[in-house]
């Protein structure tokens, strides 16, 4: 049986982890990370594949600078939005 995968989702998840290592948000809990990914993925085109060959072709296509720039732009926009208005209360010290 073939498994359908979205390359954009994988790249956004990896990019988010790198972003969180270098940037501080009001909250970076699992819920906020999921919200960030959902917002970014809704603004980006999906790139599905079902085979190893399809995965390789999709990876090559997505390495173009415009694709990388768009992913980072949408991810930062989503992170700023979620950080400004998280979907849950923030515990203040």
PDB file of N, CA and C in Angstrom:
ATOM      1  N   UNK A   1       0.837  -1.179   0.000  1.00  0.00           N
ATOM      2  CA  UNK A   1       0.000   0.000   0.000  1.00  0.00           C
ATOM      3  C   UNK A   1       0.883   1.245   0.000  1.00  0.00           C
ATOM      4  N   UNK A   2       0.474   2.236  -0.750  1.00  0.00           N
ATOM      5  CA  UNK A   2       1.231   3.479  -0.858  1.00  0.00           C
ATOM      6  C   UNK A   2       0.822   4.447   0.235  1.00  0.00           C
ATOM      7  N   UNK A   3       1.797   5.212   0.708  1.00  0.00           N
ATOM      8  CA  UNK A   3       1.514   6.213   1.720  1.00  0.00           C
ATOM      9  C   UNK A   3       1.678   7.592   1.084  1.00  0.00           C
ATOM     10  N   UNK A   4       0.657   8.388   1.175  1.00  0.00           N
ATOM     11  CA  UNK A   4       0.656   9.743   0.633  1.00  0.00           C
ATOM     12  C   UNK A   4       1.304  10.672   1.648  1.00  0.00           C
ATOM     13  N   UNK A   5       2.304  11.430   1.219  1.00  0.00           N
ATOM     14  CA  UNK A   5       3.004  12.351   2.120  1.00  0.00           C
ATOM     15  C   UNK A   5       3.049  13.736   1.495  1.00  0.00           C
ATOM     16  N   UNK A   6       3.024  14.747   2.368  1.00  0.00           N
ATOM     17  CA  UNK A   6       3.099  16.143   1.945  1.00  0.00           C
ATOM     18  C   UNK A   6       4.488  16.675   2.303  1.00  0.00           C
ATOM     19  N   UNK A   7       5.304  16.892   1.300  1.00  0.00           N
ATOM     20  CA  UNK A   7       6.675  17.371   1.522  1.00  0.00           C
ATOM     21  C   UNK A   7       6.675  18.737   2.206  1.00  0.00           C
ATOM     22  N   UNK A   8       5.737  19.585   1.873  1.00  0.00           N
ATOM     23  CA  UNK A   8       5.681  20.914   2.471  1.00  0.00           C
ATOM     24  C   UNK A   8       5.524  20.807   3.986  1.00  0.00           C
ATOM     25  N   UNK A   9       4.708  19.873   4.442  1.00  0.00           N
ATOM     26  CA  UNK A   9       4.512  19.698   5.884  1.00  0.00           C
ATOM     27  C   UNK A   9       5.826  19.321   6.572  1.00  0.00           C
ATOM     28  N   UNK A  10       6.582  18.432   5.972  1.00  0.00           N
ATOM     29  CA  UNK A  10       7.864  18.018   6.532  1.00  0.00           C
ATOM     30  C   UNK A  10       8.829  19.195   6.621  1.00  0.00           C
ATOM     31  N   UNK A  11       8.909  19.974   5.549  1.00  0.00           N
ATOM     32  CA  UNK A  11       9.823  21.119   5.518  1.00  0.00           C
ATOM     33  C   UNK A  11       9.400  22.181   6.528  1.00  0.00           C
ATOM     34  N   UNK A  12       8.101  22.443   6.627  1.00  0.00           N
ATOM     35  CA  UNK A  12       7.612  23.447   7.584  1.00  0.00           C
ATOM     36  C   UNK A  12       7.929  23.000   9.009  1.00  0.00           C
ATOM     37  N   UNK A  13       7.751  21.737   9.300  1.00  0.00           N
ATOM     38  CA  UNK A  13       8.031  21.234  10.645  1.00  0.00           C
ATOM     39  C   UNK A  13       9.522  21.380  10.982  1.00  0.00           C
ATOM     40  N   UNK A  14      10.398  21.041  10.056  1.00  0.00           N
ATOM     41  CA  UNK A  14      11.845  21.172  10.274  1.00  0.00           C
ATOM     42  C   UNK A  14      12.233  22.644  10.424  1.00  0.00           C
ATOM     43  N   UNK A  15      11.665  23.483   9.585  1.00  0.00           N
ATOM     44  CA  UNK A  15      11.975  24.913   9.620  1.00  0.00           C
ATOM     45  C   UNK A  15      11.481  25.525  10.925  1.00  0.00           C
ATOM     46  N   UNK A  16      10.322  25.098  11.404  1.00  0.00           N
ATOM     47  CA  UNK A  16       9.792  25.600  12.674  1.00  0.00           C
ATOM     48  C   UNK A  16      10.732  25.240  13.814  1.00  0.00           C
ATOM     49  N   UNK A  17      11.239  24.016  13.849  1.00  0.00           N
ATOM     50  CA  UNK A  17      12.158  23.612  14.916  1.00  0.00           C
ATOM     51  C   UNK A  17      13.422  24.477  14.894  1.00  0.00           C
ATOM     52  N   UNK A  18      13.958  24.758  13.716  1.00  0.00           N
ATOM     53  CA  UNK A  18      15.134  25.641  13.606  1.00  0.00           C
ATOM     54  C   UNK A  18      14.788  27.049  14.070  1.00  0.00           C
ATOM     55  N   UNK A  19      13.611  27.525  13.681  1.00  0.00           N
ATOM     56  CA  UNK A  19      13.170  28.869  14.068  1.00  0.00           C
ATOM     57  C   UNK A  19      13.063  28.980  15.590  1.00  0.00           C
ATOM     58  N   UNK A  20      12.483  27.978  16.231  1.00  0.00           N
ATOM     59  CA  UNK A  20      12.294  28.019  17.685  1.00  0.00           C
ATOM     60  C   UNK A  20      13.612  27.944  18.446  1.00  0.00           C
ATOM     61  N   UNK A  21      14.639  27.335  17.859  1.00  0.00           N
ATOM     62  CA  UNK A  21      15.956  27.295  18.505  1.00  0.00           C
ATOM     63  C   UNK A  21      16.602  28.679  18.548  1.00  0.00           C
ATOM     64  N   UNK A  22      16.234  29.530  17.594  1.00  0.00           N
ATOM     65  CA  UNK A  22      16.885  30.831  17.467  1.00  0.00           C
ATOM     66  C   UNK A  22      15.999  32.016  17.824  1.00  0.00           C
ATOM     67  N   UNK A  23      14.732  31.776  18.158  1.00  0.00           N
ATOM     68  CA  UNK A  23      13.803  32.861  18.438  1.00  0.00           C
ATOM     69  C   UNK A  23      12.959  32.516  19.657  1.00  0.00           C
ATOM     70  N   UNK A  24      12.593  33.543  20.406  1.00  0.00           N
ATOM     71  CA  UNK A  24      11.777  33.351  21.594  1.00  0.00           C
ATOM     72  C   UNK A  24      10.358  33.820  21.290  1.00  0.00           C
ATOM     73  N   UNK A  25       9.385  32.954  21.586  1.00  0.00           N
ATOM     74  CA  UNK A  25       7.982  33.296  21.429  1.00  0.00           C
ATOM     75  C   UNK A  25       7.342  33.374  22.808  1.00  0.00           C
ATOM     76  N   UNK A  26       6.163  34.002  22.898  1.00  0.00           N
ATOM     77  CA  UNK A  26       5.443  34.027  24.171  1.00  0.00           C
ATOM     78  C   UNK A  26       5.206  32.617  24.686  1.00  0.00           C
ATOM     79  N   UNK A  27       4.954  31.681  23.777  1.00  0.00           N
ATOM     80  CA  UNK A  27       4.738  30.289  24.131  1.00  0.00           C
ATOM     81  C   UNK A  27       5.140  29.421  22.940  1.00  0.00           C
ATOM     82  N   UNK A  28       5.799  28.323  23.227  1.00  0.00           N
ATOM     83  CA  UNK A  28       6.169  27.396  22.153  1.00  0.00           C
ATOM     84  C   UNK A  28       5.739  25.978  22.511  1.00  0.00           C
ATOM     85  N   UNK A  29       4.599  25.878  23.207  1.00  0.00           N
ATOM     86  CA  UNK A  29       4.070  24.562  23.570  1.00  0.00           C
ATOM     87  C   UNK A  29       3.626  23.817  22.303  1.00  0.00           C
ATOM     88  N   UNK A  30       3.279  22.548  22.456  1.00  0.00           N
ATOM     89  CA  UNK A  30       2.862  21.744  21.302  1.00  0.00           C
ATOM     90  C   UNK A  30       1.655  22.356  20.598  1.00  0.00           C
ATOM     91  N   UNK A  31       0.713  22.892  21.364  1.00  0.00           N
ATOM     92  CA  UNK A  31      -0.485  23.500  20.773  1.00  0.00           C
ATOM     93  C   UNK A  31      -0.104  24.703  19.915  1.00  0.00           C
ATOM     94  N   UNK A  32       0.748  25.567  20.436  1.00  0.00           N
ATOM     95  CA  UNK A  32       1.167  26.751  19.678  1.00  0.00           C
ATOM     96  C   UNK A  32       1.966  26.351  18.440  1.00  0.00           C
ATOM     97  N   UNK A  33       2.811  25.330  18.555  1.00  0.00           N
ATOM     98  CA  UNK A  33       3.557  24.857  17.392  1.00  0.00           C
ATOM     99  C   UNK A  33       2.600  24.312  16.329  1.00  0.00           C
ATOM    100  N   UNK A  34       1.582  23.574  16.765  1.00  0.00           N
ATOM    101  CA  UNK A  34       0.591  23.059  15.810  1.00  0.00           C
ATOM    102  C   UNK A  34      -0.176  24.191  15.154  1.00  0.00           C
ATOM    103  N   UNK A  35      -0.518  25.225  15.929  1.00  0.00           N
ATOM    104  CA  UNK A  35      -1.211  26.385  15.368  1.00  0.00           C
ATOM    105  C   UNK A  35      -0.338  27.102  14.335  1.00  0.00           C
ATOM    106  N   UNK A  36       0.937  27.252  14.637  1.00  0.00           N
ATOM    107  CA  UNK A  36       1.869  27.902  13.710  1.00  0.00           C
ATOM    108  C   UNK A  36       1.949  27.099  12.414  1.00  0.00           C
ATOM    109  N   UNK A  37       2.107  25.788  12.551  1.00  0.00           N
ATOM    110  CA  UNK A  37       2.198  24.940  11.357  1.00  0.00           C
ATOM    111  C   UNK A  37       0.914  25.011  10.530  1.00  0.00           C
ATOM    112  N   UNK A  38      -0.230  24.963  11.196  1.00  0.00           N
ATOM    113  CA  UNK A  38      -1.509  25.004  10.475  1.00  0.00           C
ATOM    114  C   UNK A  38      -1.658  26.310   9.708  1.00  0.00           C
ATOM    115  N   UNK A  39      -1.349  27.426  10.346  1.00  0.00           N
ATOM    116  CA  UNK A  39      -1.459  28.720   9.664  1.00  0.00           C
ATOM    117  C   UNK A  39      -0.516  28.788   8.459  1.00  0.00           C
ATOM    118  N   UNK A  40       0.731  28.377   8.659  1.00  0.00           N
ATOM    119  CA  UNK A  40       1.709  28.428   7.568  1.00  0.00           C
ATOM    120  C   UNK A  40       1.311  27.488   6.433  1.00  0.00           C
ATOM    121  N   UNK A  41       0.917  26.263   6.768  1.00  0.00           N
ATOM    122  CA  UNK A  41       0.563  25.281   5.733  1.00  0.00           C
ATOM    123  C   UNK A  41      -0.666  25.693   4.941  1.00  0.00           C
ATOM    124  N   UNK A  42      -1.590  26.390   5.566  1.00  0.00           N
ATOM    125  CA  UNK A  42      -2.775  26.863   4.843  1.00  0.00           C
ATOM    126  C   UNK A  42      -2.434  27.939   3.816  1.00  0.00           C
ATOM    127  N   UNK A  43      -1.276  28.576   3.967  1.00  0.00           N
ATOM    128  CA  UNK A  43      -0.856  29.629   3.034  1.00  0.00           C
ATOM    129  C   UNK A  43       0.155  29.137   2.000  1.00  0.00           C
ATOM    130  N   UNK A  44       0.586  27.891   2.132  1.00  0.00           N
ATOM    131  CA  UNK A  44       1.605  27.339   1.232  1.00  0.00           C
ATOM    132  C   UNK A  44       1.010  26.241   0.355  1.00  0.00           C
ATOM    133  N   UNK A  45       1.564  26.074  -0.845  1.00  0.00           N
ATOM    134  CA  UNK A  45       1.075  24.986  -1.699  1.00  0.00           C
ATOM    135  C   UNK A  45       1.547  23.628  -1.177  1.00  0.00           C
ATOM    136  N   UNK A  46       0.669  22.660  -1.230  1.00  0.00           N
ATOM    137  CA  UNK A  46       1.028  21.297  -0.832  1.00  0.00           C
ATOM    138  C   UNK A  46       1.847  20.654  -1.946  1.00  0.00           C
ATOM    139  N   UNK A  47       2.780  19.800  -1.562  1.00  0.00           N
ATOM    140  CA  UNK A  47       3.598  19.054  -2.523  1.00  0.00           C
ATOM    141  C   UNK A  47       3.584  17.588  -2.100  1.00  0.00           C
ATOM    142  N   UNK A  48       2.624  16.862  -2.645  1.00  0.00           N
ATOM    143  CA  UNK A  48       2.431  15.466  -2.269  1.00  0.00           C
ATOM    144  C   UNK A  48       3.272  14.530  -3.131  1.00  0.00           C
ATOM    145  N   UNK A  49       3.662  13.404  -2.525  1.00  0.00           N
ATOM    146  CA  UNK A  49       4.350  12.338  -3.258  1.00  0.00           C
ATOM    147  C   UNK A  49       3.957  11.003  -2.635  1.00  0.00           C
ATOM    148  N   UNK A  50       4.141   9.940  -3.414  1.00  0.00           N
ATOM    149  CA  UNK A  50       3.809   8.596  -2.918  1.00  0.00           C
ATOM    150  C   UNK A  50       4.947   7.596  -3.108  1.00  0.00           C
ATOM    151  N   UNK A  51       6.002   7.995  -3.799  1.00  0.00           N
ATOM    152  CA  UNK A  51       7.097   7.061  -4.057  1.00  0.00           C
ATOM    153  C   UNK A  51       8.431   7.701  -3.705  1.00  0.00           C
ATOM    154  N   UNK A  52       9.464   6.883  -3.645  1.00  0.00           N
ATOM    155  CA  UNK A  52      10.819   7.390  -3.385  1.00  0.00           C
ATOM    156  C   UNK A  52      11.253   8.357  -4.477  1.00  0.00           C
ATOM    157  N   UNK A  53      10.939   8.000  -5.702  1.00  0.00           N
ATOM    158  CA  UNK A  53      11.289   8.867  -6.828  1.00  0.00           C
ATOM    159  C   UNK A  53      10.557  10.204  -6.707  1.00  0.00           C
ATOM    160  N   UNK A  54       9.280  10.148  -6.366  1.00  0.00           N
ATOM    161  CA  UNK A  54       8.497  11.371  -6.176  1.00  0.00           C
ATOM    162  C   UNK A  54       9.046  12.221  -5.049  1.00  0.00           C
ATOM    163  N   UNK A  55       9.508  11.566  -3.984  1.00  0.00           N
ATOM    164  CA  UNK A  55      10.090  12.303  -2.858  1.00  0.00           C
ATOM    165  C   UNK A  55      11.360  13.033  -3.296  1.00  0.00           C
ATOM    166  N   UNK A  56      12.215  12.350  -4.037  1.00  0.00           N
ATOM    167  CA  UNK A  56      13.467  12.959  -4.504  1.00  0.00           C
ATOM    168  C   UNK A  56      13.180  14.134  -5.429  1.00  0.00           C
ATOM    169  N   UNK A  57      12.261  13.953  -6.359  1.00  0.00           N
ATOM    170  CA  UNK A  57      11.908  15.032  -7.297  1.00  0.00           C
ATOM    171  C   UNK A  57      11.320  16.235  -6.542  1.00  0.00           C
ATOM    172  N   UNK A  58      10.475  15.963  -5.578  1.00  0.00           N
ATOM    173  CA  UNK A  58       9.849  17.028  -4.796  1.00  0.00           C
ATOM    174  C   UNK A  58      10.898  17.766  -3.977  1.00  0.00           C
ATOM    175  N   UNK A  59      11.843  17.037  -3.381  1.00  0.00           N
ATOM    176  CA  UNK A  59      12.909  17.673  -2.611  1.00  0.00           C
ATOM    177  C   UNK A  59      13.758  18.577  -3.490  1.00  0.00           C
ATOM    178  N   UNK A  60      14.096  18.104  -4.674  1.00  0.00           N
ATOM    179  CA  UNK A  60      14.899  18.916  -5.596  1.00  0.00           C
ATOM    180  C   UNK A  60      14.167  20.191  -5.989  1.00  0.00           C
ATOM    181  N   UNK A  61      12.898  20.059  -6.308  1.00  0.00           N
ATOM    182  CA  UNK A  61      12.101  21.224  -6.705  1.00  0.00           C
ATOM    183  C   UNK A  61      11.971  22.232  -5.569  1.00  0.00           C
ATOM    184  N   UNK A  62      11.866  21.749  -4.338  1.00  0.00           N
ATOM    185  CA  UNK A  62      11.628  22.646  -3.203  1.00  0.00           C
ATOM    186  C   UNK A  62      12.898  23.333  -2.717  1.00  0.00           C
ATOM    187  N   UNK A  63      14.051  22.961  -3.243  1.00  0.00           N
ATOM    188  CA  UNK A  63      15.291  23.591  -2.818  1.00  0.00           C
ATOM    189  C   UNK A  63      15.543  24.925  -3.516  1.00  0.00           C
ATOM    190  N   UNK A  64      14.671  25.295  -4.411  1.00  0.00           N
ATOM    191  CA  UNK A  64      14.804  26.582  -5.084  1.00  0.00           C
ATOM    192  C   UNK A  64      14.630  27.701  -4.060  1.00  0.00           C
ATOM    193  N   UNK A  65      15.406  28.748  -4.187  1.00  0.00           N
ATOM    194  CA  UNK A  65      15.385  29.857  -3.235  1.00  0.00           C
ATOM    195  C   UNK A  65      13.990  30.466  -3.062  1.00  0.00           C
ATOM    196  N   UNK A  66      13.207  30.684  -4.129  1.00  0.00           N
ATOM    197  CA  UNK A  66      11.863  31.246  -3.913  1.00  0.00           C
ATOM    198  C   UNK A  66      10.991  30.370  -3.016  1.00  0.00           C
ATOM    199  N   UNK A  67      11.086  29.048  -3.148  1.00  0.00           N
ATOM    200  CA  UNK A  67      10.306  28.148  -2.293  1.00  0.00           C
ATOM    201  C   UNK A  67      10.750  28.261  -0.844  1.00  0.00           C
ATOM    202  N   UNK A  68      12.052  28.244  -0.619  1.00  0.00           N
ATOM    203  CA  UNK A  68      12.569  28.341   0.744  1.00  0.00           C
ATOM    204  C   UNK A  68      12.189  29.676   1.380  1.00  0.00           C
ATOM    205  N   UNK A  69      12.296  30.740   0.612  1.00  0.00           N
ATOM    206  CA  UNK A  69      11.955  32.070   1.113  1.00  0.00           C
ATOM    207  C   UNK A  69      10.485  32.156   1.472  1.00  0.00           C
ATOM    208  N   UNK A  70       9.636  31.598   0.637  1.00  0.00           N
ATOM    209  CA  UNK A  70       8.198  31.636   0.908  1.00  0.00           C
ATOM    210  C   UNK A  70       7.855  30.851   2.166  1.00  0.00           C
ATOM    211  N   UNK A  71       8.467  29.697   2.348  1.00  0.00           N
ATOM    212  CA  UNK A  71       8.213  28.887   3.539  1.00  0.00           C
ATOM    213  C   UNK A  71       8.630  29.648   4.795  1.00  0.00           C
ATOM    214  N   UNK A  72       9.808  30.228   4.793  1.00  0.00           N
ATOM    215  CA  UNK A  72      10.287  30.972   5.955  1.00  0.00           C
ATOM    216  C   UNK A  72       9.391  32.182   6.223  1.00  0.00           C
ATOM    217  N   UNK A  73       9.011  32.886   5.170  1.00  0.00           N
ATOM    218  CA  UNK A  73       8.140  34.057   5.325  1.00  0.00           C
ATOM    219  C   UNK A  73       6.811  33.681   5.965  1.00  0.00           C
ATOM    220  N   UNK A  74       6.173  32.639   5.472  1.00  0.00           N
ATOM    221  CA  UNK A  74       4.877  32.227   6.014  1.00  0.00           C
ATOM    222  C   UNK A  74       5.014  31.684   7.433  1.00  0.00           C
ATOM    223  N   UNK A  75       6.103  30.995   7.705  1.00  0.00           N
ATOM    224  CA  UNK A  75       6.322  30.466   9.042  1.00  0.00           C
ATOM    225  C   UNK A  75       6.527  31.591  10.057  1.00  0.00           C
ATOM    226  N   UNK A  76       7.323  32.578   9.707  1.00  0.00           N
ATOM    227  CA  UNK A  76       7.560  33.712  10.607  1.00  0.00           C
ATOM    228  C   UNK A  76       6.261  34.483  10.823  1.00  0.00           C
ATOM    229  N   UNK A  77       5.509  34.705   9.769  1.00  0.00           N
ATOM    230  CA  UNK A  77       4.218  35.398   9.886  1.00  0.00           C
ATOM    231  C   UNK A  77       3.288  34.639  10.841  1.00  0.00           C
ATOM    232  N   UNK A  78       3.211  33.326  10.674  1.00  0.00           N
ATOM    233  CA  UNK A  78       2.346  32.502  11.529  1.00  0.00           C
ATOM    234  C   UNK A  78       2.845  32.513  12.975  1.00  0.00           C
ATOM    235  N   UNK A  79       4.152  32.423  13.172  1.00  0.00           N
ATOM    236  CA  UNK A  79       4.713  32.432  14.525  1.00  0.00           C
ATOM    237  C   UNK A  79       4.418  33.752  15.223  1.00  0.00           C
ATOM    238  N   UNK A  80       4.538  34.850  14.508  1.00  0.00           N
ATOM    239  CA  UNK A  80       4.234  36.156  15.096  1.00  0.00           C
ATOM    240  C   UNK A  80       2.759  36.257  15.467  1.00  0.00           C
ATOM    241  N   UNK A  81       1.897  35.745  14.615  1.00  0.00           N
ATOM    242  CA  UNK A  81       0.466  35.795  14.873  1.00  0.00           C
ATOM    243  C   UNK A  81       0.099  34.951  16.100  1.00  0.00           C
ATOM    244  N   UNK A  82       0.614  33.733  16.167  1.00  0.00           N
ATOM    245  CA  UNK A  82       0.300  32.851  17.297  1.00  0.00           C
ATOM    246  C   UNK A  82       0.915  33.391  18.583  1.00  0.00           C
ATOM    247  N   UNK A  83       2.112  33.929  18.499  1.00  0.00           N
ATOM    248  CA  UNK A  83       2.765  34.487  19.680  1.00  0.00           C
ATOM    249  C   UNK A  83       1.987  35.687  20.221  1.00  0.00           C
ATOM    250  N   UNK A  84       1.442  36.483  19.320  1.00  0.00           N
ATOM    251  CA  UNK A  84       0.676  37.671  19.727  1.00  0.00           C
ATOM    252  C   UNK A  84      -0.687  37.306  20.298  1.00  0.00           C
ATOM    253  N   UNK A  85      -1.305  36.261  19.749  1.00  0.00           N
ATOM    254  CA  UNK A  85      -2.642  35.860  20.193  1.00  0.00           C
ATOM    255  C   UNK A  85      -2.744  34.339  20.275  1.00  0.00           C
ATOM    256  N   UNK A  86      -2.102  33.732  21.285  1.00  0.00           N
ATOM    257  CA  UNK A  86      -2.167  32.280  21.415  1.00  0.00           C
ATOM    258  C   UNK A  86      -3.597  31.823  21.664  1.00  0.00           C
ATOM    259  N   UNK A  87      -3.886  30.572  21.323  1.00  0.00           N
ATOM    260  CA  UNK A  87      -5.240  30.043  21.458  1.00  0.00           C
ATOM    261  C   UNK A  87      -5.521  29.548  22.876  1.00  0.00           C
ATOM    262  N   UNK A  88      -4.621  29.838  23.794  1.00  0.00           N
ATOM    263  CA  UNK A  88      -4.818  29.470  25.202  1.00  0.00           C
ATOM    264  C   UNK A  88      -4.229  30.564  26.070  1.00  0.00           C
ATOM    265  N   UNK A  89      -4.647  30.647  27.334  1.00  0.00           N
ATOM    266  CA  UNK A  89      -4.086  31.671  28.229  1.00  0.00           C
ATOM    267  C   UNK A  89      -2.590  31.412  28.493  1.00  0.00           C
ATOM    268  N   UNK A  90      -1.847  32.468  28.599  1.00  0.00           N
ATOM    269  CA  UNK A  90      -0.428  32.377  28.925  1.00  0.00           C
ATOM    270  C   UNK A  90      -0.284  32.571  30.435  1.00  0.00           C
ATOM    271  N   UNK A  91       0.399  31.641  31.087  1.00  0.00           N
ATOM    272  CA  UNK A  91       0.634  31.765  32.521  1.00  0.00           C
ATOM    273  C   UNK A  91       1.718  32.799  32.762  1.00  0.00           C
ATOM    274  N   UNK A  92       1.377  33.819  33.498  1.00  0.00           N
ATOM    275  CA  UNK A  92       2.340  34.875  33.827  1.00  0.00           C
ATOM    276  C   UNK A  92       2.971  34.567  35.176  1.00  0.00           C
ATOM    277  N   UNK A  93       4.293  34.759  35.317  1.00  0.00           N
ATOM    278  CA  UNK A  93       4.972  34.486  36.598  1.00  0.00           C
ATOM    279  C   UNK A  93       4.553  35.445  37.679  1.00  0.00           C
TER     280      UNK A  93
END
